[in-house]
PDB file of N, CA and C in Angstrom:
ATOM      1  N   MET A   1      71.701  75.185  87.410  1.00  0.00           N
ATOM      2  CA  MET A   1      72.404  74.508  88.462  1.00  0.00           C
ATOM      3  C   MET A   1      73.924  74.671  88.306  1.00  0.00           C
ATOM      4  N   ILE A   2      74.434  74.668  87.162  1.00  0.00           N
ATOM      5  CA  ILE A   2      75.876  74.808  86.948  1.00  0.00           C
ATOM      6  C   ILE A   2      76.288  76.270  87.362  1.00  0.00           C
ATOM      7  N   ARG A   3      75.479  77.224  86.962  1.00  0.00           N
ATOM      8  CA  ARG A   3      75.791  78.627  87.367  1.00  0.00           C
ATOM      9  C   ARG A   3      75.807  78.744  88.709  1.00  0.00           C
ATOM     10  N   THR A   4      74.865  78.102  89.595  1.00  0.00           N
ATOM     11  CA  THR A   4      74.989  78.177  91.035  1.00  0.00           C
ATOM     12  C   THR A   4      76.131  77.688  91.555  1.00  0.00           C
ATOM     13  N   LEU A   5      76.561  76.402  91.073  1.00  0.00           N
ATOM     14  CA  LEU A   5      77.685  75.733  91.546  1.00  0.00           C
ATOM     15  C   LEU A   5      79.010  76.599  91.243  1.00  0.00           C
ATOM     16  N   VAL A   6      79.069  77.227  90.141  1.00  0.00           N
ATOM     17  CA  VAL A   6      80.304  78.095  89.793  1.00  0.00           C
ATOM     18  C   VAL A   6      80.220  79.356  90.712  1.00  0.00           C
ATOM     19  N   LEU A   7      79.098  79.962  90.920  1.00  0.00           N
ATOM     20  CA  LEU A   7      79.125  81.027  91.755  1.00  0.00           C
ATOM     21  C   LEU A   7      79.480  80.788  93.089  1.00  0.00           C
ATOM     22  N   LEU A   8      79.057  79.571  93.703  1.00  0.00           N
ATOM     23  CA  LEU A   8      79.341  79.011  94.979  1.00  0.00           C
ATOM     24  C   LEU A   8      80.818  78.850  95.195  1.00  0.00           C
ATOM     25  N   LEU A   9      81.423  78.234  94.223  1.00  0.00           N
ATOM     26  CA  LEU A   9      82.805  77.832  94.166  1.00  0.00           C
ATOM     27  C   LEU A   9      83.638  79.247  94.032  1.00  0.00           C
ATOM     28  N   SER A  10      83.304  80.146  93.265  1.00  0.00           N
ATOM     29  CA  SER A  10      83.812  81.452  93.265  1.00  0.00           C
ATOM     30  C   SER A  10      83.925  82.009  94.609  1.00  0.00           C
ATOM     31  N   CYS A  11      82.814  82.081  95.287  1.00  0.00           N
ATOM     32  CA  CYS A  11      82.677  82.737  96.661  1.00  0.00           C
ATOM     33  C   CYS A  11      83.735  82.002  97.640  1.00  0.00           C
ATOM     34  N   ILE A  12      83.868  80.829  97.340  1.00  0.00           N
ATOM     35  CA  ILE A  12      84.894  80.126  98.406  1.00  0.00           C
ATOM     36  C   ILE A  12      86.430  80.344  98.058  1.00  0.00           C
ATOM     37  N   VAL A  13      86.639  80.196  96.703  1.00  0.00           N
ATOM     38  CA  VAL A  13      88.010  80.380  96.269  1.00  0.00           C
ATOM     39  C   VAL A  13      88.626  81.716  96.178  1.00  0.00           C
ATOM     40  N   LEU A  14      87.839  82.754  95.847  1.00  0.00           N
ATOM     41  CA  LEU A  14      88.404  84.095  95.560  1.00  0.00           C
ATOM     42  C   LEU A  14      88.969  84.759  96.947  1.00  0.00           C
ATOM     43  N   PRO A  15      88.235  84.547  97.991  1.00  0.00           N
ATOM     44  CA  PRO A  15      88.767  85.089  99.352  1.00  0.00           C
ATOM     45  C   PRO A  15      89.890  84.437  99.698  1.00  0.00           C
ATOM     46  N   THR A  16      90.140  83.220  99.452  1.00  0.00           N
ATOM     47  CA  THR A  16      91.216  82.310  99.845  1.00  0.00           C
ATOM     48  C   THR A  16      92.426  82.730  99.174  1.00  0.00           C
ATOM     49  N   VAL A  17      92.291  83.109  97.819  1.00  0.00           N
ATOM     50  CA  VAL A  17      93.467  83.618  96.954  1.00  0.00           C
ATOM     51  C   VAL A  17      93.832  85.028  97.518  1.00  0.00           C
ATOM     52  N   ALA A  18      92.862  85.766  97.775  1.00  0.00           N
ATOM     53  CA  ALA A  18      93.222  87.145  98.244  1.00  0.00           C
ATOM     54  C   ALA A  18      94.089  87.116  99.584  1.00  0.00           C
ATOM     55  N   VAL A  19      93.604  86.180 100.408  1.00  0.00           N
ATOM     56  CA  VAL A  19      94.347  86.143 101.691  1.00  0.00           C
ATOM     57  C   VAL A  19      95.789  85.684 101.466  1.00  0.00           C
ATOM     58  N   ALA A  20      95.947  84.770 100.636  1.00  0.00           N
ATOM     59  CA  ALA A  20      97.231  84.083 100.368  1.00  0.00           C
ATOM     60  C   ALA A  20      98.174  85.153  99.817  1.00  0.00           C
ATOM     61  N   GLN A  21      97.570  85.960  98.957  1.00  0.00           N
ATOM     62  CA  GLN A  21      98.376  87.046  98.254  1.00  0.00           C
ATOM     63  C   GLN A  21      98.795  88.103  99.269  1.00  0.00           C
ATOM     64  N   THR A  22      97.810  88.539 100.192  1.00  0.00           N
ATOM     65  CA  THR A  22      98.158  89.406 101.356  1.00  0.00           C
ATOM     66  C   THR A  22      99.362  88.718 102.255  1.00  0.00           C
ATOM     67  N   ASP A  23      99.120  87.468 102.505  1.00  0.00           N
ATOM     68  CA  ASP A  23     100.125  86.851 103.487  1.00  0.00           C
ATOM     69  C   ASP A  23     101.540  86.887 102.764  1.00  0.00           C
ATOM     70  N   ASP A  24     101.559  86.558 101.437  1.00  0.00           N
ATOM     71  CA  ASP A  24     102.802  86.617 100.572  1.00  0.00           C
ATOM     72  C   ASP A  24     103.406  88.069 100.609  1.00  0.00           C
ATOM     73  N   ALA A  25     102.641  88.967 100.514  1.00  0.00           N
ATOM     74  CA  ALA A  25     103.103  90.427 100.427  1.00  0.00           C
ATOM     75  C   ALA A  25     103.694  90.734 101.770  1.00  0.00           C
ATOM     76  N   ALA A  26     103.112  90.393 102.815  1.00  0.00           N
ATOM     77  CA  ALA A  26     103.554  90.692 104.192  1.00  0.00           C
ATOM     78  C   ALA A  26     104.906  89.962 104.462  1.00  0.00           C
ATOM     79  N   TYR A  27     105.016  88.731 104.004  1.00  0.00           N
ATOM     80  CA  TYR A  27     106.259  87.877 104.145  1.00  0.00           C
ATOM     81  C   TYR A  27     107.366  88.437 103.425  1.00  0.00           C
ATOM     82  N   CYS A  28     106.930  88.880 102.067  1.00  0.00           N
ATOM     83  CA  CYS A  28     107.979  89.402 101.242  1.00  0.00           C
ATOM     84  C   CYS A  28     108.550  90.803 101.777  1.00  0.00           C
ATOM     85  N   ALA A  29     107.683  91.522 102.458  1.00  0.00           N
ATOM     86  CA  ALA A  29     108.083  92.743 103.116  1.00  0.00           C
ATOM     87  C   ALA A  29     108.938  92.591 104.200  1.00  0.00           C
ATOM     88  N   GLN A  30     108.632  91.494 105.125  1.00  0.00           N
ATOM     89  CA  GLN A  30     109.525  91.050 106.281  1.00  0.00           C
ATOM     90  C   GLN A  30     110.925  90.719 105.667  1.00  0.00           C
ATOM     91  N   LEU A  31     110.970  89.900 104.699  1.00  0.00           N
ATOM     92  CA  LEU A  31     112.220  89.427 104.127  1.00  0.00           C
ATOM     93  C   LEU A  31     112.987  90.626 103.723  1.00  0.00           C
ATOM     94  N   LYS A  32     112.340  91.631 102.959  1.00  0.00           N
ATOM     95  CA  LYS A  32     112.966  92.754 102.391  1.00  0.00           C
ATOM     96  C   LYS A  32     113.750  93.509 103.489  1.00  0.00           C
ATOM     97  N   GLU A  33     112.928  93.726 104.603  1.00  0.00           N
ATOM     98  CA  GLU A  33     113.522  94.444 105.789  1.00  0.00           C
ATOM     99  C   GLU A  33     114.735  93.819 106.333  1.00  0.00           C
ATOM    100  N   LEU A  34     114.725  92.622 106.571  1.00  0.00           N
ATOM    101  CA  LEU A  34     115.831  91.723 107.090  1.00  0.00           C
ATOM    102  C   LEU A  34     117.067  91.971 106.124  1.00  0.00           C
ATOM    103  N   VAL A  35     116.830  91.741 104.881  1.00  0.00           N
ATOM    104  CA  VAL A  35     117.901  91.800 103.845  1.00  0.00           C
ATOM    105  C   VAL A  35     118.514  93.144 103.844  1.00  0.00           C
ATOM    106  N   LEU A  36     117.716  94.157 103.837  1.00  0.00           N
ATOM    107  CA  LEU A  36     118.137  95.674 103.687  1.00  0.00           C
ATOM    108  C   LEU A  36     118.930  95.891 105.069  1.00  0.00           C
ATOM    109  N   ARG A  37     118.523  95.375 106.086  1.00  0.00           N
ATOM    110  CA  ARG A  37     119.102  95.696 107.417  1.00  0.00           C
ATOM    111  C   ARG A  37     120.402  94.896 107.652  1.00  0.00           C
ATOM    112  N   TYR A  38     120.501  93.691 107.198  1.00  0.00           N
ATOM    113  CA  TYR A  38     121.570  92.882 107.638  1.00  0.00           C
ATOM    114  C   TYR A  38     122.476  92.245 106.705  1.00  0.00           C
ATOM    115  N   THR A  39     122.191  92.418 105.344  1.00  0.00           N
ATOM    116  CA  THR A  39     123.037  91.818 104.267  1.00  0.00           C
ATOM    117  C   THR A  39     123.503  92.871 103.266  1.00  0.00           C
ATOM    118  N   GLY A  40     124.555  92.444 102.515  1.00  0.00           N
ATOM    119  CA  GLY A  40     124.981  93.343 101.475  1.00  0.00           C
ATOM    120  C   GLY A  40     126.545  93.597 101.599  1.00  0.00           C
ATOM    121  N   GLY A  41     126.980  94.346 100.681  1.00  0.00           N
ATOM    122  CA  GLY A  41     128.454  94.989 100.920  1.00  0.00           C
ATOM    123  C   GLY A  41     128.327  96.434 101.164  1.00  0.00           C
ATOM    124  N   ALA A  42     129.394  96.978 101.566  1.00  0.00           N
ATOM    125  CA  ALA A  42     129.606  98.379 102.059  1.00  0.00           C
ATOM    126  C   ALA A  42     129.126  99.301 100.720  1.00  0.00           C
ATOM    127  N   GLY A  43     128.194 100.142 101.075  1.00  0.00           N
ATOM    128  CA  GLY A  43     127.694 101.108 100.085  1.00  0.00           C
ATOM    129  C   GLY A  43     128.539 102.433 100.020  1.00  0.00           C
ATOM    130  N   VAL A  44     128.049 103.300  99.303  1.00  0.00           N
ATOM    131  CA  VAL A  44     128.648 104.685  99.106  1.00  0.00           C
ATOM    132  C   VAL A  44     128.869 105.311 100.463  1.00  0.00           C
ATOM    133  N   GLU A  45     127.829 105.365 101.348  1.00  0.00           N
ATOM    134  CA  GLU A  45     127.860 106.094 102.651  1.00  0.00           C
ATOM    135  C   GLU A  45     127.931 105.223 103.838  1.00  0.00           C
ATOM    136  N   GLY A  46     128.677 104.077 103.532  1.00  0.00           N
ATOM    137  CA  GLY A  46     128.835 103.233 104.690  1.00  0.00           C
ATOM    138  C   GLY A  46     127.746 102.326 105.038  1.00  0.00           C
ATOM    139  N   ARG A  47     126.643 102.335 104.182  1.00  0.00           N
ATOM    140  CA  ARG A  47     125.503 101.470 104.385  1.00  0.00           C
ATOM    141  C   ARG A  47     125.754 100.210 103.728  1.00  0.00           C
ATOM    142  N   LEU A  48     124.970  99.144 104.149  1.00  0.00           N
ATOM    143  CA  LEU A  48     125.048  97.914 103.440  1.00  0.00           C
ATOM    144  C   LEU A  48     124.239  98.069 102.278  1.00  0.00           C
ATOM    145  N   MET A  49     124.691  97.528 101.048  1.00  0.00           N
ATOM    146  CA  MET A  49     124.032  97.573  99.865  1.00  0.00           C
ATOM    147  C   MET A  49     123.924  96.227  99.303  1.00  0.00           C
ATOM    148  N   PRO A  50     122.643  95.597  99.052  1.00  0.00           N
ATOM    149  CA  PRO A  50     122.528  94.301  98.426  1.00  0.00           C
ATOM    150  C   PRO A  50     123.034  94.190  97.193  1.00  0.00           C
ATOM    151  N   ASP A  51     123.277  93.105  96.610  1.00  0.00           N
ATOM    152  CA  ASP A  51     123.731  92.837  95.113  1.00  0.00           C
ATOM    153  C   ASP A  51     122.502  93.134  94.285  1.00  0.00           C
ATOM    154  N   LYS A  52     122.799  93.230  92.900  1.00  0.00           N
ATOM    155  CA  LYS A  52     121.819  93.518  92.022  1.00  0.00           C
ATOM    156  C   LYS A  52     120.662  92.552  91.952  1.00  0.00           C
ATOM    157  N   THR A  53     120.998  91.309  92.112  1.00  0.00           N
ATOM    158  CA  THR A  53     119.879  90.182  92.048  1.00  0.00           C
ATOM    159  C   THR A  53     118.954  90.434  93.244  1.00  0.00           C
ATOM    160  N   THR A  54     119.552  90.673  94.459  1.00  0.00           N
ATOM    161  CA  THR A  54     118.632  90.827  95.520  1.00  0.00           C
ATOM    162  C   THR A  54     117.899  92.316  95.456  1.00  0.00           C
ATOM    163  N   LEU A  55     118.447  93.199  94.870  1.00  0.00           N
ATOM    164  CA  LEU A  55     117.798  94.434  94.528  1.00  0.00           C
ATOM    165  C   LEU A  55     116.577  94.250  93.752  1.00  0.00           C
ATOM    166  N   GLY A  56     116.809  93.356  92.651  1.00  0.00           N
ATOM    167  CA  GLY A  56     115.834  92.983  91.702  1.00  0.00           C
ATOM    168  C   GLY A  56     114.593  92.312  92.449  1.00  0.00           C
ATOM    169  N   ALA A  57     114.957  91.426  93.341  1.00  0.00           N
ATOM    170  CA  ALA A  57     114.006  90.586  94.038  1.00  0.00           C
ATOM    171  C   ALA A  57     113.066  91.690  95.037  1.00  0.00           C
ATOM    172  N   ILE A  58     113.897  92.589  95.559  1.00  0.00           N
ATOM    173  CA  ILE A  58     113.144  93.655  96.426  1.00  0.00           C
ATOM    174  C   ILE A  58     112.189  94.365  95.507  1.00  0.00           C
ATOM    175  N   SER A  59     112.640  94.723  94.293  1.00  0.00           N
ATOM    176  CA  SER A  59     111.775  95.451  93.390  1.00  0.00           C
ATOM    177  C   SER A  59     110.559  94.648  93.104  1.00  0.00           C
ATOM    178  N   ASP A  60     110.755  93.308  92.738  1.00  0.00           N
ATOM    179  CA  ASP A  60     109.603  92.349  92.597  1.00  0.00           C
ATOM    180  C   ASP A  60     108.559  92.371  93.682  1.00  0.00           C
ATOM    181  N   CYS A  61     109.043  92.318  94.991  1.00  0.00           N
ATOM    182  CA  CYS A  61     108.165  92.310  96.106  1.00  0.00           C
ATOM    183  C   CYS A  61     107.399  93.692  96.121  1.00  0.00           C
ATOM    184  N   ASP A  62     108.131  94.720  95.756  1.00  0.00           N
ATOM    185  CA  ASP A  62     107.428  96.097  95.910  1.00  0.00           C
ATOM    186  C   ASP A  62     106.310  96.137  94.799  1.00  0.00           C
ATOM    187  N   LYS A  63     106.624  95.478  93.692  1.00  0.00           N
ATOM    188  CA  LYS A  63     105.626  95.547  92.516  1.00  0.00           C
ATOM    189  C   LYS A  63     104.486  94.470  92.625  1.00  0.00           C
ATOM    190  N   GLY A  64     104.549  93.644  93.785  1.00  0.00           N
ATOM    191  CA  GLY A  64     103.521  92.597  94.002  1.00  0.00           C
ATOM    192  C   GLY A  64     103.750  91.324  93.369  1.00  0.00           C
ATOM    193  N   ASN A  65     105.054  91.133  92.902  1.00  0.00           N
ATOM    194  CA  ASN A  65     105.466  89.826  92.267  1.00  0.00           C
ATOM    195  C   ASN A  65     106.196  88.976  93.208  1.00  0.00           C
ATOM    196  N   THR A  66     105.425  88.536  94.287  1.00  0.00           N
ATOM    197  CA  THR A  66     106.159  87.908  95.417  1.00  0.00           C
ATOM    198  C   THR A  66     106.649  86.537  94.994  1.00  0.00           C
ATOM    199  N   ALA A  67     106.163  85.914  94.069  1.00  0.00           N
ATOM    200  CA  ALA A  67     106.507  84.733  93.637  1.00  0.00           C
ATOM    201  C   ALA A  67     107.980  84.581  93.052  1.00  0.00           C
ATOM    202  N   ALA A  68     108.384  85.802  92.486  1.00  0.00           N
ATOM    203  CA  ALA A  68     109.734  85.965  92.004  1.00  0.00           C
ATOM    204  C   ALA A  68     110.708  86.514  93.172  1.00  0.00           C
ATOM    205  N   GLY A  69     110.061  87.312  93.982  1.00  0.00           N
ATOM    206  CA  GLY A  69     110.945  87.916  95.071  1.00  0.00           C
ATOM    207  C   GLY A  69     111.305  87.051  96.145  1.00  0.00           C
ATOM    208  N   ILE A  70     110.337  86.325  96.687  1.00  0.00           N
ATOM    209  CA  ILE A  70     110.440  85.567  97.866  1.00  0.00           C
ATOM    210  C   ILE A  70     111.607  84.650  97.823  1.00  0.00           C
ATOM    211  N   PRO A  71     111.763  83.724  96.848  1.00  0.00           N
ATOM    212  CA  PRO A  71     112.768  82.724  96.821  1.00  0.00           C
ATOM    213  C   PRO A  71     114.236  83.349  96.819  1.00  0.00           C
ATOM    214  N   VAL A  72     114.410  84.454  96.210  1.00  0.00           N
ATOM    215  CA  VAL A  72     115.791  85.186  96.047  1.00  0.00           C
ATOM    216  C   VAL A  72     116.046  85.640  97.409  1.00  0.00           C
ATOM    217  N   LEU A  73     115.104  86.430  98.017  1.00  0.00           N
ATOM    218  CA  LEU A  73     115.344  86.863  99.433  1.00  0.00           C
ATOM    219  C   LEU A  73     115.713  85.910 100.395  1.00  0.00           C
ATOM    220  N   GLU A  74     114.882  84.800 100.246  1.00  0.00           N
ATOM    221  CA  GLU A  74     115.154  83.800 101.242  1.00  0.00           C
ATOM    222  C   GLU A  74     116.455  83.094 101.085  1.00  0.00           C
ATOM    223  N   LYS A  75     116.934  82.971  99.819  1.00  0.00           N
ATOM    224  CA  LYS A  75     118.298  82.428  99.570  1.00  0.00           C
ATOM    225  C   LYS A  75     119.328  83.427 100.082  1.00  0.00           C
ATOM    226  N   THR A  76     119.106  84.703  99.876  1.00  0.00           N
ATOM    227  CA  THR A  76     120.113  85.685 100.325  1.00  0.00           C
ATOM    228  C   THR A  76     120.237  85.553 101.809  1.00  0.00           C
ATOM    229  N   LEU A  77     119.222  85.498 102.550  1.00  0.00           N
ATOM    230  CA  LEU A  77     119.210  85.390 104.095  1.00  0.00           C
ATOM    231  C   LEU A  77     119.937  84.110 104.545  1.00  0.00           C
ATOM    232  N   ARG A  78     119.554  83.002 103.789  1.00  0.00           N
ATOM    233  CA  ARG A  78     120.101  81.759 104.225  1.00  0.00           C
ATOM    234  C   ARG A  78     121.629  81.758 103.959  1.00  0.00           C
ATOM    235  N   ASN A  79     121.991  82.385 102.848  1.00  0.00           N
ATOM    236  CA  ASN A  79     123.531  82.392 102.479  1.00  0.00           C
ATOM    237  C   ASN A  79     124.235  83.156 103.510  1.00  0.00           C
ATOM    238  N   ASN A  80     123.493  84.122 104.171  1.00  0.00           N
ATOM    239  CA  ASN A  80     124.235  84.973 105.158  1.00  0.00           C
ATOM    240  C   ASN A  80     124.057  84.292 106.576  1.00  0.00           C
ATOM    241  N   GLY A  81     123.628  83.166 106.720  1.00  0.00           N
ATOM    242  CA  GLY A  81     123.544  82.618 107.999  1.00  0.00           C
ATOM    243  C   GLY A  81     122.270  82.902 108.801  1.00  0.00           C
ATOM    244  N   PHE A  82     121.174  83.344 108.211  1.00  0.00           N
ATOM    245  CA  PHE A  82     119.971  83.724 108.876  1.00  0.00           C
ATOM    246  C   PHE A  82     119.009  82.646 108.839  1.00  0.00           C
ATOM    247  N   THR A  83     118.158  82.411 109.912  1.00  0.00           N
ATOM    248  CA  THR A  83     116.993  81.516 109.992  1.00  0.00           C
ATOM    249  C   THR A  83     115.912  82.236 109.417  1.00  0.00           C
ATOM    250  N   LEU A  84     115.159  81.764 108.657  1.00  0.00           N
ATOM    251  CA  LEU A  84     114.013  82.517 107.892  1.00  0.00           C
ATOM    252  C   LEU A  84     112.848  82.622 108.916  1.00  0.00           C
ATOM    253  N   PRO A  85     112.119  83.783 108.969  1.00  0.00           N
ATOM    254  CA  PRO A  85     110.985  84.116 109.816  1.00  0.00           C
ATOM    255  C   PRO A  85     109.880  83.042 109.469  1.00  0.00           C
ATOM    256  N   LYS A  86     109.028  82.847 110.355  1.00  0.00           N
ATOM    257  CA  LYS A  86     107.907  81.967 109.986  1.00  0.00           C
ATOM    258  C   LYS A  86     106.981  82.623 108.852  1.00  0.00           C
ATOM    259  N   ARG A  87     106.444  81.841 108.057  1.00  0.00           N
ATOM    260  CA  ARG A  87     105.534  82.292 107.025  1.00  0.00           C
ATOM    261  C   ARG A  87     104.141  82.332 107.394  1.00  0.00           C
TER     262      ARG A  87
END
């Protein structure tokens, strides 16, 4: 009985976690694109270059560590006067 209950709960919870991770990854990628396009200081070739903290957050997003990357990217966008996209 307990095994059946655990199996049933696993079938419900695991897909939900996977969807949340996918949504976070997509949101992180969207924030990354906005930050790279619209924020930062002048770089070597006249392009905008984000600061090291923001670059670290972008790296976190690329590695799948969205929990660390999203708050930093959101803060960077807010500090530059942007309204955040819907999550």
